[in-house]
Amino acid sequence: YAGPAGRETFRDGELHTGDAGFLRDGE
């Protein structure tokens, strides 16, 4: 993000979306 906000979202090159879901057979 622009500015200091949201550092918890982008960590170690990954995006922690805050969205819930599940994978089933790759979908």
mmCIF file of all heavy atoms, coordinates in Angstrom:
data_MODEL
# 
_entry.id   MODEL 
# 
loop_
_atom_site.group_PDB 
_atom_site.id 
_atom_site.type_symbol 
_atom_site.label_atom_id 
_atom_site.label_alt_id 
_atom_site.label_comp_id 
_atom_site.label_asym_id 
_atom_site.label_entity_id 
_atom_site.label_seq_id 
_atom_site.pdbx_PDB_ins_code 
_atom_site.Cartn_x 
_atom_site.Cartn_y 
_atom_site.Cartn_z 
_atom_site.occupancy 
_atom_site.B_iso_or_equiv 
_atom_site.pdbx_formal_charge 
_atom_site.auth_seq_id 
_atom_site.auth_comp_id 
_atom_site.auth_asym_id 
_atom_site.auth_atom_id 
_atom_site.pdbx_PDB_model_num 
ATOM 1   N N   . TYR A 1 1  ? 0.828   -1.199  0.000  1.00 0.00 ? 1  TYR A N   1 
ATOM 2   C CA  . TYR A 1 1  ? 0.000   0.000   0.000  1.00 0.00 ? 1  TYR A CA  1 
ATOM 3   C C   . TYR A 1 1  ? 0.867   1.255   0.000  1.00 0.00 ? 1  TYR A C   1 
ATOM 4   O O   . TYR A 1 1  ? 2.013   1.230   0.466  1.00 0.00 ? 1  TYR A O   1 
ATOM 5   C CB  . TYR A 1 1  ? -0.903  0.032   1.232  1.00 0.00 ? 1  TYR A CB  1 
ATOM 6   C CG  . TYR A 1 1  ? -1.924  -1.074  1.307  1.00 0.00 ? 1  TYR A CG  1 
ATOM 7   C CD1 . TYR A 1 1  ? -1.895  -1.992  2.347  1.00 0.00 ? 1  TYR A CD1 1 
ATOM 8   C CD2 . TYR A 1 1  ? -2.918  -1.187  0.350  1.00 0.00 ? 1  TYR A CD2 1 
ATOM 9   C CE1 . TYR A 1 1  ? -2.838  -3.007  2.442  1.00 0.00 ? 1  TYR A CE1 1 
ATOM 10  C CE2 . TYR A 1 1  ? -3.867  -2.206  0.422  1.00 0.00 ? 1  TYR A CE2 1 
ATOM 11  C CZ  . TYR A 1 1  ? -3.821  -3.111  1.476  1.00 0.00 ? 1  TYR A CZ  1 
ATOM 12  O OH  . TYR A 1 1  ? -4.746  -4.112  1.559  1.00 0.00 ? 1  TYR A OH  1 
ATOM 13  N N   . ALA A 1 2  ? 0.311   2.339   -0.497 1.00 0.00 ? 2  ALA A N   1 
ATOM 14  C CA  . ALA A 1 2  ? 0.966   3.634   -0.363 1.00 0.00 ? 2  ALA A CA  1 
ATOM 15  C C   . ALA A 1 2  ? 0.888   4.048   1.105  1.00 0.00 ? 2  ALA A C   1 
ATOM 16  O O   . ALA A 1 2  ? -0.183  4.003   1.714  1.00 0.00 ? 2  ALA A O   1 
ATOM 17  C CB  . ALA A 1 2  ? 0.279   4.670   -1.254 1.00 0.00 ? 2  ALA A CB  1 
ATOM 18  N N   . GLY A 1 3  ? 2.015   4.454   1.673  1.00 0.00 ? 3  GLY A N   1 
ATOM 19  C CA  . GLY A 1 3  ? 2.032   4.819   3.076  1.00 0.00 ? 3  GLY A CA  1 
ATOM 20  C C   . GLY A 1 3  ? 2.323   3.635   3.967  1.00 0.00 ? 3  GLY A C   1 
ATOM 21  O O   . GLY A 1 3  ? 2.553   2.516   3.503  1.00 0.00 ? 3  GLY A O   1 
ATOM 22  N N   . PRO A 1 4  ? 2.277   3.841   5.274  1.00 0.00 ? 4  PRO A N   1 
ATOM 23  C CA  . PRO A 1 4  ? 2.698   2.787   6.215  1.00 0.00 ? 4  PRO A CA  1 
ATOM 24  C C   . PRO A 1 4  ? 1.633   1.746   6.515  1.00 0.00 ? 4  PRO A C   1 
ATOM 25  O O   . PRO A 1 4  ? 1.923   0.739   7.153  1.00 0.00 ? 4  PRO A O   1 
ATOM 26  C CB  . PRO A 1 4  ? 3.020   3.586   7.483  1.00 0.00 ? 4  PRO A CB  1 
ATOM 27  C CG  . PRO A 1 4  ? 2.093   4.773   7.413  1.00 0.00 ? 4  PRO A CG  1 
ATOM 28  C CD  . PRO A 1 4  ? 1.985   5.120   5.944  1.00 0.00 ? 4  PRO A CD  1 
ATOM 29  N N   . ALA A 1 5  ? 0.386   1.968   6.090  1.00 0.00 ? 5  ALA A N   1 
ATOM 30  C CA  . ALA A 1 5  ? -0.702  1.071   6.485  1.00 0.00 ? 5  ALA A CA  1 
ATOM 31  C C   . ALA A 1 5  ? -0.589  -0.285  5.808  1.00 0.00 ? 5  ALA A C   1 
ATOM 32  O O   . ALA A 1 5  ? -0.010  -0.425  4.733  1.00 0.00 ? 5  ALA A O   1 
ATOM 33  C CB  . ALA A 1 5  ? -2.055  1.707   6.138  1.00 0.00 ? 5  ALA A CB  1 
ATOM 34  N N   . GLY A 1 6  ? -1.160  -1.292  6.441  1.00 0.00 ? 6  GLY A N   1 
ATOM 35  C CA  . GLY A 1 6  ? -1.349  -2.587  5.811  1.00 0.00 ? 6  GLY A CA  1 
ATOM 36  C C   . GLY A 1 6  ? -0.141  -3.481  5.734  1.00 0.00 ? 6  GLY A C   1 
ATOM 37  O O   . GLY A 1 6  ? -0.108  -4.404  4.922  1.00 0.00 ? 6  GLY A O   1 
ATOM 38  N N   . ARG A 1 7  ? 0.868   -3.232  6.574  1.00 0.00 ? 7  ARG A N   1 
ATOM 39  C CA  . ARG A 1 7  ? 2.049   -4.100  6.503  1.00 0.00 ? 7  ARG A CA  1 
ATOM 40  C C   . ARG A 1 7  ? 1.708   -5.549  6.854  1.00 0.00 ? 7  ARG A C   1 
ATOM 41  O O   . ARG A 1 7  ? 2.391   -6.475  6.426  1.00 0.00 ? 7  ARG A O   1 
ATOM 42  C CB  . ARG A 1 7  ? 3.141   -3.575  7.440  1.00 0.00 ? 7  ARG A CB  1 
ATOM 43  C CG  . ARG A 1 7  ? 3.738   -2.249  6.969  1.00 0.00 ? 7  ARG A CG  1 
ATOM 44  C CD  . ARG A 1 7  ? 5.041   -1.942  7.685  1.00 0.00 ? 7  ARG A CD  1 
ATOM 45  N NE  . ARG A 1 7  ? 5.626   -0.702  7.199  1.00 0.00 ? 7  ARG A NE  1 
ATOM 46  C CZ  . ARG A 1 7  ? 5.665   0.422   7.888  1.00 0.00 ? 7  ARG A CZ  1 
ATOM 47  N NH1 . ARG A 1 7  ? 5.147   0.466   9.101  1.00 0.00 ? 7  ARG A NH1 1 
ATOM 48  N NH2 . ARG A 1 7  ? 6.226   1.506   7.392  1.00 0.00 ? 7  ARG A NH2 1 
ATOM 49  N N   . GLU A 1 8  ? 0.626   -5.738  7.638  1.00 0.00 ? 8  GLU A N   1 
ATOM 50  C CA  . GLU A 1 8  ? 0.242   -7.102  7.993  1.00 0.00 ? 8  GLU A CA  1 
ATOM 51  C C   . GLU A 1 8  ? -0.367  -7.850  6.809  1.00 0.00 ? 8  GLU A C   1 
ATOM 52  O O   . GLU A 1 8  ? -0.454  -9.076  6.804  1.00 0.00 ? 8  GLU A O   1 
ATOM 53  C CB  . GLU A 1 8  ? -0.758  -7.083  9.161  1.00 0.00 ? 8  GLU A CB  1 
ATOM 54  C CG  . GLU A 1 8  ? -2.155  -6.602  8.820  1.00 0.00 ? 8  GLU A CG  1 
ATOM 55  C CD  . GLU A 1 8  ? -2.284  -5.097  8.623  1.00 0.00 ? 8  GLU A CD  1 
ATOM 56  O OE1 . GLU A 1 8  ? -1.285  -4.374  8.849  1.00 0.00 ? 8  GLU A OE1 1 
ATOM 57  O OE2 . GLU A 1 8  ? -3.371  -4.639  8.237  1.00 0.00 ? 8  GLU A OE2 1 
ATOM 58  N N   . THR A 1 9  ? -0.788  -7.120  5.776  1.00 0.00 ? 9  THR A N   1 
ATOM 59  C CA  . THR A 1 9  ? -1.409  -7.750  4.606  1.00 0.00 ? 9  THR A CA  1 
ATOM 60  C C   . THR A 1 9  ? -0.365  -8.346  3.678  1.00 0.00 ? 9  THR A C   1 
ATOM 61  O O   . THR A 1 9  ? -0.539  -9.444  3.143  1.00 0.00 ? 9  THR A O   1 
ATOM 62  C CB  . THR A 1 9  ? -2.269  -6.718  3.849  1.00 0.00 ? 9  THR A CB  1 
ATOM 63  O OG1 . THR A 1 9  ? -3.257  -6.195  4.750  1.00 0.00 ? 9  THR A OG1 1 
ATOM 64  C CG2 . THR A 1 9  ? -2.951  -7.342  2.649  1.00 0.00 ? 9  THR A CG2 1 
ATOM 65  N N   . PHE A 1 10 ? 0.731   -7.626  3.441  1.00 0.00 ? 10 PHE A N   1 
ATOM 66  C CA  . PHE A 1 10 ? 1.800   -8.072  2.551  1.00 0.00 ? 10 PHE A CA  1 
ATOM 67  C C   . PHE A 1 10 ? 2.971   -8.552  3.401  1.00 0.00 ? 10 PHE A C   1 
ATOM 68  O O   . PHE A 1 10 ? 3.655   -7.747  4.034  1.00 0.00 ? 10 PHE A O   1 
ATOM 69  C CB  . PHE A 1 10 ? 2.249   -6.926  1.634  1.00 0.00 ? 10 PHE A CB  1 
ATOM 70  C CG  . PHE A 1 10 ? 1.167   -6.442  0.696  1.00 0.00 ? 10 PHE A CG  1 
ATOM 71  C CD1 . PHE A 1 10 ? 0.323   -5.401  1.060  1.00 0.00 ? 10 PHE A CD1 1 
ATOM 72  C CD2 . PHE A 1 10 ? 0.997   -7.016  -0.556 1.00 0.00 ? 10 PHE A CD2 1 
ATOM 73  C CE1 . PHE A 1 10 ? -0.666  -4.946  0.198  1.00 0.00 ? 10 PHE A CE1 1 
ATOM 74  C CE2 . PHE A 1 10 ? 0.016   -6.572  -1.421 1.00 0.00 ? 10 PHE A CE2 1 
ATOM 75  C CZ  . PHE A 1 10 ? -0.818  -5.542  -1.039 1.00 0.00 ? 10 PHE A CZ  1 
ATOM 76  N N   . ARG A 1 11 ? 3.202   -9.869  3.418  1.00 0.00 ? 11 ARG A N   1 
ATOM 77  C CA  . ARG A 1 11 ? 4.269   -10.422 4.237  1.00 0.00 ? 11 ARG A CA  1 
ATOM 78  C C   . ARG A 1 11 ? 5.020   -11.486 3.458  1.00 0.00 ? 11 ARG A C   1 
ATOM 79  O O   . ARG A 1 11 ? 4.403   -12.391 2.874  1.00 0.00 ? 11 ARG A O   1 
ATOM 80  C CB  . ARG A 1 11 ? 3.709   -11.041 5.533  1.00 0.00 ? 11 ARG A CB  1 
ATOM 81  C CG  . ARG A 1 11 ? 2.921   -10.093 6.398  1.00 0.00 ? 11 ARG A CG  1 
ATOM 82  C CD  . ARG A 1 11 ? 2.805   -10.604 7.839  1.00 0.00 ? 11 ARG A CD  1 
ATOM 83  N NE  . ARG A 1 11 ? 2.192   -11.904 7.956  1.00 0.00 ? 11 ARG A NE  1 
ATOM 84  C CZ  . ARG A 1 11 ? 0.888   -12.101 8.132  1.00 0.00 ? 11 ARG A CZ  1 
ATOM 85  N NH1 . ARG A 1 11 ? 0.066   -11.073 8.181  1.00 0.00 ? 11 ARG A NH1 1 
ATOM 86  N NH2 . ARG A 1 11 ? 0.410   -13.331 8.265  1.00 0.00 ? 11 ARG A NH2 1 
ATOM 87  N N   . ASP A 1 12 ? 6.340   -11.343 3.435  1.00 0.00 ? 12 ASP A N   1 
ATOM 88  C CA  . ASP A 1 12 ? 7.206   -12.351 2.814  1.00 0.00 ? 12 ASP A CA  1 
ATOM 89  C C   . ASP A 1 12 ? 6.809   -12.648 1.379  1.00 0.00 ? 12 ASP A C   1 
ATOM 90  O O   . ASP A 1 12 ? 6.807   -13.799 0.928  1.00 0.00 ? 12 ASP A O   1 
ATOM 91  C CB  . ASP A 1 12 ? 7.186   -13.649 3.637  1.00 0.00 ? 12 ASP A CB  1 
ATOM 92  C CG  . ASP A 1 12 ? 7.668   -13.431 5.070  1.00 0.00 ? 12 ASP A CG  1 
ATOM 93  O OD1 . ASP A 1 12 ? 8.598   -12.627 5.257  1.00 0.00 ? 12 ASP A OD1 1 
ATOM 94  O OD2 . ASP A 1 12 ? 7.097   -14.049 5.985  1.00 0.00 ? 12 ASP A OD2 1 
ATOM 95  N N   . GLY A 1 13 ? 6.459   -11.595 0.647  1.00 0.00 ? 13 GLY A N   1 
ATOM 96  C CA  . GLY A 1 13 ? 6.116   -11.754 -0.762 1.00 0.00 ? 13 GLY A CA  1 
ATOM 97  C C   . GLY A 1 13 ? 4.743   -12.343 -1.012 1.00 0.00 ? 13 GLY A C   1 
ATOM 98  O O   . GLY A 1 13 ? 4.404   -12.645 -2.165 1.00 0.00 ? 13 GLY A O   1 
ATOM 99  N N   . GLU A 1 14 ? 3.936   -12.498 0.030  1.00 0.00 ? 14 GLU A N   1 
ATOM 100 C CA  . GLU A 1 14 ? 2.593   -13.046 -0.130 1.00 0.00 ? 14 GLU A CA  1 
ATOM 101 C C   . GLU A 1 14 ? 1.552   -12.046 0.352  1.00 0.00 ? 14 GLU A C   1 
ATOM 102 O O   . GLU A 1 14 ? 1.838   -11.147 1.142  1.00 0.00 ? 14 GLU A O   1 
ATOM 103 C CB  . GLU A 1 14 ? 2.444   -14.353 0.656  1.00 0.00 ? 14 GLU A CB  1 
ATOM 104 C CG  . GLU A 1 14 ? 3.221   -15.520 0.074  1.00 0.00 ? 14 GLU A CG  1 
ATOM 105 C CD  . GLU A 1 14 ? 2.885   -16.813 0.793  1.00 0.00 ? 14 GLU A CD  1 
ATOM 106 O OE1 . GLU A 1 14 ? 2.909   -16.814 2.053  1.00 0.00 ? 14 GLU A OE1 1 
ATOM 107 O OE2 . GLU A 1 14 ? 2.617   -17.814 0.111  1.00 0.00 ? 14 GLU A OE2 1 
ATOM 108 N N   . LEU A 1 15 ? 0.349   -12.272 -0.116 1.00 0.00 ? 15 LEU A N   1 
ATOM 109 C CA  . LEU A 1 15 ? -0.782  -11.424 0.224  1.00 0.00 ? 15 LEU A CA  1 
ATOM 110 C C   . LEU A 1 15 ? -1.715  -12.200 1.148  1.00 0.00 ? 15 LEU A C   1 
ATOM 111 O O   . LEU A 1 15 ? -2.284  -13.228 0.753  1.00 0.00 ? 15 LEU A O   1 
ATOM 112 C CB  . LEU A 1 15 ? -1.515  -11.013 -1.066 1.00 0.00 ? 15 LEU A CB  1 
ATOM 113 C CG  . LEU A 1 15 ? -2.886  -10.375 -0.934 1.00 0.00 ? 15 LEU A CG  1 
ATOM 114 C CD1 . LEU A 1 15 ? -2.798  -9.064  -0.169 1.00 0.00 ? 15 LEU A CD1 1 
ATOM 115 C CD2 . LEU A 1 15 ? -3.481  -10.150 -2.328 1.00 0.00 ? 15 LEU A CD2 1 
ATOM 116 N N   . HIS A 1 16 ? -1.848  -11.736 2.387  1.00 0.00 ? 16 HIS A N   1 
ATOM 117 C CA  . HIS A 1 16 ? -2.775  -12.332 3.347  1.00 0.00 ? 16 HIS A CA  1 
ATOM 118 C C   . HIS A 1 16 ? -4.091  -11.569 3.223  1.00 0.00 ? 16 HIS A C   1 
ATOM 119 O O   . HIS A 1 16 ? -4.231  -10.456 3.714  1.00 0.00 ? 16 HIS A O   1 
ATOM 120 C CB  . HIS A 1 16 ? -2.198  -12.261 4.755  1.00 0.00 ? 16 HIS A CB  1 
ATOM 121 C CG  . HIS A 1 16 ? -0.966  -13.108 4.925  1.00 0.00 ? 16 HIS A CG  1 
ATOM 122 N ND1 . HIS A 1 16 ? -0.967  -14.294 5.634  1.00 0.00 ? 16 HIS A ND1 1 
ATOM 123 C CD2 . HIS A 1 16 ? 0.289   -12.971 4.424  1.00 0.00 ? 16 HIS A CD2 1 
ATOM 124 C CE1 . HIS A 1 16 ? 0.236   -14.833 5.589  1.00 0.00 ? 16 HIS A CE1 1 
ATOM 125 N NE2 . HIS A 1 16 ? 1.023   -14.046 4.860  1.00 0.00 ? 16 HIS A NE2 1 
ATOM 126 N N   . THR A 1 17 ? -5.055  -12.194 2.551  1.00 0.00 ? 17 THR A N   1 
ATOM 127 C CA  . THR A 1 17 ? -6.218  -11.459 2.046  1.00 0.00 ? 17 THR A CA  1 
ATOM 128 C C   . THR A 1 17 ? -7.221  -11.062 3.123  1.00 0.00 ? 17 THR A C   1 
ATOM 129 O O   . THR A 1 17 ? -7.985  -10.110 2.923  1.00 0.00 ? 17 THR A O   1 
ATOM 130 C CB  . THR A 1 17 ? -6.955  -12.302 1.000  1.00 0.00 ? 17 THR A CB  1 
ATOM 131 O OG1 . THR A 1 17 ? -7.510  -13.467 1.636  1.00 0.00 ? 17 THR A OG1 1 
ATOM 132 C CG2 . THR A 1 17 ? -6.011  -12.729 -0.123 1.00 0.00 ? 17 THR A CG2 1 
ATOM 133 N N   . GLY A 1 18 ? -7.277  -11.804 4.238  1.00 0.00 ? 18 GLY A N   1 
ATOM 134 C CA  . GLY A 1 18 ? -8.353  -11.567 5.198  1.00 0.00 ? 18 GLY A CA  1 
ATOM 135 C C   . GLY A 1 18 ? -9.665  -12.185 4.758  1.00 0.00 ? 18 GLY A C   1 
ATOM 136 O O   . GLY A 1 18 ? -10.686 -12.051 5.445  1.00 0.00 ? 18 GLY A O   1 
ATOM 137 N N   . ASP A 1 19 ? -9.666  -12.877 3.599  1.00 0.00 ? 19 ASP A N   1 
ATOM 138 C CA  . ASP A 1 19 ? -10.861 -13.570 3.104  1.00 0.00 ? 19 ASP A CA  1 
ATOM 139 C C   . ASP A 1 19 ? -10.820 -15.022 3.545  1.00 0.00 ? 19 ASP A C   1 
ATOM 140 O O   . ASP A 1 19 ? -9.748  -15.645 3.617  1.00 0.00 ? 19 ASP A O   1 
ATOM 141 C CB  . ASP A 1 19 ? -10.936 -13.514 1.579  1.00 0.00 ? 19 ASP A CB  1 
ATOM 142 C CG  . ASP A 1 19 ? -11.230 -12.125 1.064  1.00 0.00 ? 19 ASP A CG  1 
ATOM 143 O OD1 . ASP A 1 19 ? -11.879 -11.350 1.796  1.00 0.00 ? 19 ASP A OD1 1 
ATOM 144 O OD2 . ASP A 1 19 ? -10.819 -11.807 -0.063 1.00 0.00 ? 19 ASP A OD2 1 
ATOM 145 N N   . ALA A 1 20 ? -11.988 -15.561 3.826  1.00 0.00 ? 20 ALA A N   1 
ATOM 146 C CA  . ALA A 1 20 ? -12.106 -16.958 4.247  1.00 0.00 ? 20 ALA A CA  1 
ATOM 147 C C   . ALA A 1 20 ? -12.574 -17.813 3.085  1.00 0.00 ? 20 ALA A C   1 
ATOM 148 O O   . ALA A 1 20 ? -13.401 -17.394 2.273  1.00 0.00 ? 20 ALA A O   1 
ATOM 149 C CB  . ALA A 1 20 ? -13.086 -17.076 5.407  1.00 0.00 ? 20 ALA A CB  1 
ATOM 150 N N   . GLY A 1 21 ? -12.044 -19.033 3.015  1.00 0.00 ? 21 GLY A N   1 
ATOM 151 C CA  . GLY A 1 21 ? -12.461 -19.948 1.968  1.00 0.00 ? 21 GLY A CA  1 
ATOM 152 C C   . GLY A 1 21 ? -11.825 -21.305 2.178  1.00 0.00 ? 21 GLY A C   1 
ATOM 153 O O   . GLY A 1 21 ? -11.177 -21.565 3.194  1.00 0.00 ? 21 GLY A O   1 
ATOM 154 N N   . PHE A 1 22 ? -12.014 -22.154 1.192  1.00 0.00 ? 22 PHE A N   1 
ATOM 155 C CA  . PHE A 1 22 ? -11.393 -23.481 1.252  1.00 0.00 ? 22 PHE A CA  1 
ATOM 156 C C   . PHE A 1 22 ? -11.104 -23.960 -0.165 1.00 0.00 ? 22 PHE A C   1 
ATOM 157 O O   . PHE A 1 22 ? -11.683 -23.468 -1.142 1.00 0.00 ? 22 PHE A O   1 
ATOM 158 C CB  . PHE A 1 22 ? -12.281 -24.485 1.992  1.00 0.00 ? 22 PHE A CB  1 
ATOM 159 C CG  . PHE A 1 22 ? -13.660 -24.670 1.407  1.00 0.00 ? 22 PHE A CG  1 
ATOM 160 C CD1 . PHE A 1 22 ? -13.909 -25.647 0.447  1.00 0.00 ? 22 PHE A CD1 1 
ATOM 161 C CD2 . PHE A 1 22 ? -14.723 -23.877 1.827  1.00 0.00 ? 22 PHE A CD2 1 
ATOM 162 C CE1 . PHE A 1 22 ? -15.171 -25.821 -0.090 1.00 0.00 ? 22 PHE A CE1 1 
ATOM 163 C CE2 . PHE A 1 22 ? -16.001 -24.047 1.299  1.00 0.00 ? 22 PHE A CE2 1 
ATOM 164 C CZ  . PHE A 1 22 ? -16.226 -25.014 0.341  1.00 0.00 ? 22 PHE A CZ  1 
ATOM 165 N N   . LEU A 1 23 ? -10.166 -24.880 -0.258 1.00 0.00 ? 23 LEU A N   1 
ATOM 166 C CA  . LEU A 1 23 ? -9.818  -25.511 -1.526 1.00 0.00 ? 23 LEU A CA  1 
ATOM 167 C C   . LEU A 1 23 ? -10.439 -26.901 -1.576 1.00 0.00 ? 23 LEU A C   1 
ATOM 168 O O   . LEU A 1 23 ? -10.462 -27.610 -0.567 1.00 0.00 ? 23 LEU A O   1 
ATOM 169 C CB  . LEU A 1 23 ? -8.300  -25.621 -1.684 1.00 0.00 ? 23 LEU A CB  1 
ATOM 170 C CG  . LEU A 1 23 ? -7.539  -24.306 -1.898 1.00 0.00 ? 23 LEU A CG  1 
ATOM 171 C CD1 . LEU A 1 23 ? -6.052  -24.526 -1.676 1.00 0.00 ? 23 LEU A CD1 1 
ATOM 172 C CD2 . LEU A 1 23 ? -7.796  -23.760 -3.304 1.00 0.00 ? 23 LEU A CD2 1 
ATOM 173 N N   . ARG A 1 24 ? -10.930 -27.269 -2.736 1.00 0.00 ? 24 ARG A N   1 
ATOM 174 C CA  . ARG A 1 24 ? -11.416 -28.627 -2.937 1.00 0.00 ? 24 ARG A CA  1 
ATOM 175 C C   . ARG A 1 24 ? -11.013 -29.074 -4.336 1.00 0.00 ? 24 ARG A C   1 
ATOM 176 O O   . ARG A 1 24 ? -11.421 -28.460 -5.331 1.00 0.00 ? 24 ARG A O   1 
ATOM 177 C CB  . ARG A 1 24 ? -12.930 -28.710 -2.765 1.00 0.00 ? 24 ARG A CB  1 
ATOM 178 C CG  . ARG A 1 24 ? -13.490 -30.127 -2.943 1.00 0.00 ? 24 ARG A CG  1 
ATOM 179 C CD  . ARG A 1 24 ? -14.936 -30.213 -2.522 1.00 0.00 ? 24 ARG A CD  1 
ATOM 180 N NE  . ARG A 1 24 ? -15.104 -30.011 -1.082 1.00 0.00 ? 24 ARG A NE  1 
ATOM 181 C CZ  . ARG A 1 24 ? -16.292 -30.076 -0.461 1.00 0.00 ? 24 ARG A CZ  1 
ATOM 182 N NH1 . ARG A 1 24 ? -17.383 -30.351 -1.159 1.00 0.00 ? 24 ARG A NH1 1 
ATOM 183 N NH2 . ARG A 1 24 ? -16.369 -29.866 0.838  1.00 0.00 ? 24 ARG A NH2 1 
ATOM 184 N N   . ASP A 1 25 ? -10.170 -30.086 -4.402 1.00 0.00 ? 25 ASP A N   1 
ATOM 185 C CA  . ASP A 1 25 ? -9.661  -30.602 -5.681 1.00 0.00 ? 25 ASP A CA  1 
ATOM 186 C C   . ASP A 1 25 ? -9.023  -29.497 -6.516 1.00 0.00 ? 25 ASP A C   1 
ATOM 187 O O   . ASP A 1 25 ? -9.166  -29.457 -7.735 1.00 0.00 ? 25 ASP A O   1 
ATOM 188 C CB  . ASP A 1 25 ? -10.788 -31.270 -6.474 1.00 0.00 ? 25 ASP A CB  1 
ATOM 189 C CG  . ASP A 1 25 ? -11.435 -32.421 -5.716 1.00 0.00 ? 25 ASP A CG  1 
ATOM 190 O OD1 . ASP A 1 25 ? -10.703 -33.133 -4.996 1.00 0.00 ? 25 ASP A OD1 1 
ATOM 191 O OD2 . ASP A 1 25 ? -12.666 -32.591 -5.818 1.00 0.00 ? 25 ASP A OD2 1 
ATOM 192 N N   . GLY A 1 26 ? -8.335  -28.581 -5.820 1.00 0.00 ? 26 GLY A N   1 
ATOM 193 C CA  . GLY A 1 26 ? -7.622  -27.520 -6.514 1.00 0.00 ? 26 GLY A CA  1 
ATOM 194 C C   . GLY A 1 26 ? -8.443  -26.301 -6.843 1.00 0.00 ? 26 GLY A C   1 
ATOM 195 O O   . GLY A 1 26 ? -7.908  -25.289 -7.308 1.00 0.00 ? 26 GLY A O   1 
ATOM 196 N N   . GLU A 1 27 ? -9.755  -26.335 -6.599 1.00 0.00 ? 27 GLU A N   1 
ATOM 197 C CA  . GLU A 1 27 ? -10.624 -25.187 -6.880 1.00 0.00 ? 27 GLU A CA  1 
ATOM 198 C C   . GLU A 1 27 ? -10.877 -24.410 -5.599 1.00 0.00 ? 27 GLU A C   1 
ATOM 199 O O   . GLU A 1 27 ? -11.053 -24.990 -4.519 1.00 0.00 ? 27 GLU A O   1 
ATOM 200 C CB  . GLU A 1 27 ? -11.951 -25.642 -7.486 1.00 0.00 ? 27 GLU A CB  1 
ATOM 201 C CG  . GLU A 1 27 ? -12.861 -24.485 -7.859 1.00 0.00 ? 27 GLU A CG  1 
ATOM 202 C CD  . GLU A 1 27 ? -14.111 -24.905 -8.617 1.00 0.00 ? 27 GLU A CD  1 
ATOM 203 O OE1 . GLU A 1 27 ? -14.390 -26.125 -8.677 1.00 0.00 ? 27 GLU A OE1 1 
ATOM 204 O OE2 . GLU A 1 27 ? -14.813 -24.018 -9.145 1.00 0.00 ? 27 GLU A OE2 1 
# 
